[in-house]
Amino acid sequence: MTDDRTAQIGQLLAQLATLVADQPTAREPEPVVRPTRLLFTVEEAAEQLGIGKTTAYAYVRTGELESVLIGRLRRIHADAIAGFAARLVARNRAA
């Protein structure tokens, strides 16, 4: 190999070392953001409210806890759960 060729290879290796050193460090992956659920089963709503599922079904039957039918599935909207809890608290304060 000629001295020119050796010098060129040395320069290229130096450039390569600089490029590798300038590489950004690996970033942590972005966390996956899952959409907030809006509809819950009666059992899930009961769990959120801290009541039994039989009691939750009784509130659904009387209409105190609003629910919707989707085909044959009964679901309770998150706002209905929050509203029901707020009404219970208000009733307790008034008593």
C-alpha atoms as a PDB file:
ATOM      1  CA  MET A   1       0.000   0.000   0.000  1.00  0.00           C
ATOM      2  CA  THR A   2       1.182   3.489  -0.759  1.00  0.00           C
ATOM      3  CA  ASP A   3       1.590   6.139   1.857  1.00  0.00           C
ATOM      4  CA  ASP A   4      -1.247   8.181   0.251  1.00  0.00           C
ATOM      5  CA  ARG A   5      -3.598   5.237   0.486  1.00  0.00           C
ATOM      6  CA  THR A   6      -2.642   4.615   4.108  1.00  0.00           C
ATOM      7  CA  ALA A   7      -3.233   8.290   4.936  1.00  0.00           C
ATOM      8  CA  GLN A   8      -6.665   8.196   3.254  1.00  0.00           C
ATOM      9  CA  ILE A   9      -7.664   5.118   5.216  1.00  0.00           C
ATOM     10  CA  GLY A  10      -6.489   6.780   8.436  1.00  0.00           C
ATOM     11  CA  GLN A  11      -8.567   9.885   7.671  1.00  0.00           C
ATOM     12  CA  LEU A  12     -11.627   7.802   6.851  1.00  0.00           C
ATOM     13  CA  LEU A  13     -11.241   5.851  10.081  1.00  0.00           C
ATOM     14  CA  ALA A  14     -10.961   9.107  12.033  1.00  0.00           C
ATOM     15  CA  GLN A  15     -14.122  10.439  10.336  1.00  0.00           C
ATOM     16  CA  LEU A  16     -15.925   7.200  11.073  1.00  0.00           C
ATOM     17  CA  ALA A  17     -14.877   7.366  14.736  1.00  0.00           C
ATOM     18  CA  THR A  18     -16.219  10.948  14.929  1.00  0.00           C
ATOM     19  CA  LEU A  19     -19.524   9.949  13.340  1.00  0.00           C
ATOM     20  CA  VAL A  20     -19.955   7.007  15.686  1.00  0.00           C
ATOM     21  CA  ALA A  21     -19.163   9.187  18.710  1.00  0.00           C
ATOM     22  CA  ASP A  22     -21.719  11.799  17.578  1.00  0.00           C
ATOM     23  CA  GLN A  23     -24.557   9.251  17.389  1.00  0.00           C
ATOM     24  CA  PRO A  24     -27.411  10.154  19.746  1.00  0.00           C
ATOM     25  CA  THR A  25     -27.740   7.901  22.748  1.00  0.00           C
ATOM     26  CA  ALA A  26     -30.553   5.406  22.718  1.00  0.00           C
ATOM     27  CA  ARG A  27     -33.770   6.907  24.047  1.00  0.00           C
ATOM     28  CA  GLU A  28     -36.222   5.060  26.181  1.00  0.00           C
ATOM     29  CA  PRO A  29     -39.341   4.143  24.224  1.00  0.00           C
ATOM     30  CA  GLU A  30     -42.341   6.394  24.675  1.00  0.00           C
ATOM     31  CA  PRO A  31     -44.901   4.919  27.055  1.00  0.00           C
ATOM     32  CA  VAL A  32     -47.981   3.548  25.382  1.00  0.00           C
ATOM     33  CA  VAL A  33     -50.968   5.699  26.254  1.00  0.00           C
ATOM     34  CA  ARG A  34     -54.118   3.667  26.305  1.00  0.00           C
ATOM     35  CA  PRO A  35     -57.454   5.419  25.942  1.00  0.00           C
ATOM     36  CA  THR A  36     -59.490   5.696  29.106  1.00  0.00           C
ATOM     37  CA  ARG A  37     -62.361   3.236  29.183  1.00  0.00           C
ATOM     38  CA  LEU A  38     -65.821   4.729  29.117  1.00  0.00           C
ATOM     39  CA  LEU A  39     -68.093   1.711  29.449  1.00  0.00           C
ATOM     40  CA  PHE A  40     -67.965  -0.842  32.250  1.00  0.00           C
ATOM     41  CA  THR A  41     -69.791  -4.033  33.120  1.00  0.00           C
ATOM     42  CA  VAL A  42     -72.077  -3.953  36.135  1.00  0.00           C
ATOM     43  CA  GLU A  43     -69.487  -5.993  38.044  1.00  0.00           C
ATOM     44  CA  GLU A  44     -66.715  -3.518  37.172  1.00  0.00           C
ATOM     45  CA  ALA A  45     -68.924  -0.570  38.174  1.00  0.00           C
ATOM     46  CA  ALA A  46     -69.706  -2.313  41.474  1.00  0.00           C
ATOM     47  CA  GLU A  47     -65.993  -2.777  42.088  1.00  0.00           C
ATOM     48  CA  GLN A  48     -65.301   0.899  41.392  1.00  0.00           C
ATOM     49  CA  LEU A  49     -68.102   1.929  43.741  1.00  0.00           C
ATOM     50  CA  GLY A  50     -67.016  -0.519  46.427  1.00  0.00           C
ATOM     51  CA  ILE A  51     -70.387  -2.281  46.524  1.00  0.00           C
ATOM     52  CA  GLY A  52     -71.467  -5.810  45.766  1.00  0.00           C
ATOM     53  CA  LYS A  53     -72.573  -6.812  42.299  1.00  0.00           C
ATOM     54  CA  THR A  54     -76.043  -7.797  43.549  1.00  0.00           C
ATOM     55  CA  THR A  55     -76.479  -4.309  44.989  1.00  0.00           C
ATOM     56  CA  ALA A  56     -75.208  -2.769  41.753  1.00  0.00           C
ATOM     57  CA  TYR A  57     -77.691  -4.833  39.720  1.00  0.00           C
ATOM     58  CA  ALA A  58     -80.469  -3.654  42.068  1.00  0.00           C
ATOM     59  CA  TYR A  59     -79.495  -0.002  41.468  1.00  0.00           C
ATOM     60  CA  VAL A  60     -79.459  -0.675  37.702  1.00  0.00           C
ATOM     61  CA  ARG A  61     -82.900  -2.323  37.898  1.00  0.00           C
ATOM     62  CA  THR A  62     -84.382   0.695  39.720  1.00  0.00           C
ATOM     63  CA  GLY A  63     -82.664   3.135  37.355  1.00  0.00           C
ATOM     64  CA  GLU A  64     -80.632   4.822  40.087  1.00  0.00           C
ATOM     65  CA  LEU A  65     -77.492   3.642  38.316  1.00  0.00           C
ATOM     66  CA  GLU A  66     -77.933   4.442  34.621  1.00  0.00           C
ATOM     67  CA  SER A  67     -76.958   1.789  32.127  1.00  0.00           C
ATOM     68  CA  VAL A  68     -77.273   1.043  28.430  1.00  0.00           C
ATOM     69  CA  LEU A  69     -77.836  -2.125  26.469  1.00  0.00           C
ATOM     70  CA  ILE A  70     -75.471  -2.841  23.608  1.00  0.00           C
ATOM     71  CA  GLY A  71     -77.013  -5.856  21.981  1.00  0.00           C
ATOM     72  CA  ARG A  72     -77.408  -8.227  24.919  1.00  0.00           C
ATOM     73  CA  LEU A  73     -74.631  -6.583  26.948  1.00  0.00           C
ATOM     74  CA  ARG A  74     -75.422  -4.142  29.744  1.00  0.00           C
ATOM     75  CA  ARG A  75     -72.816  -1.423  30.219  1.00  0.00           C
ATOM     76  CA  ILE A  76     -72.495   1.540  32.568  1.00  0.00           C
ATOM     77  CA  HIS A  77     -70.852   4.759  31.407  1.00  0.00           C
ATOM     78  CA  ALA A  78     -68.032   6.173  33.545  1.00  0.00           C
ATOM     79  CA  ASP A  79     -69.994   9.428  33.999  1.00  0.00           C
ATOM     80  CA  ALA A  80     -72.981   7.448  35.310  1.00  0.00           C
ATOM     81  CA  ILE A  81     -70.744   5.809  37.917  1.00  0.00           C
ATOM     82  CA  ALA A  82     -69.325   9.176  38.991  1.00  0.00           C
ATOM     83  CA  GLY A  83     -72.798  10.781  39.066  1.00  0.00           C
ATOM     84  CA  PHE A  84     -74.236   7.931  41.103  1.00  0.00           C
ATOM     85  CA  ALA A  85     -71.405   8.216  43.635  1.00  0.00           C
ATOM     86  CA  ALA A  86     -71.900  11.990  43.850  1.00  0.00           C
ATOM     87  CA  ARG A  87     -75.644  11.537  44.489  1.00  0.00           C
ATOM     88  CA  LEU A  88     -74.920   9.028  47.251  1.00  0.00           C
ATOM     89  CA  VAL A  89     -72.530  11.450  48.920  1.00  0.00           C
ATOM     90  CA  ALA A  90     -75.025  14.326  48.591  1.00  0.00           C
ATOM     91  CA  ARG A  91     -77.787  12.148  50.083  1.00  0.00           C
ATOM     92  CA  ASN A  92     -75.525  11.222  52.987  1.00  0.00           C
ATOM     93  CA  ARG A  93     -74.659  14.872  53.672  1.00  0.00           C
ATOM     94  CA  ALA A  94     -78.336  15.869  53.633  1.00  0.00           C
ATOM     95  CA  ALA A  95     -79.307  13.128  56.071  1.00  0.00           C
END
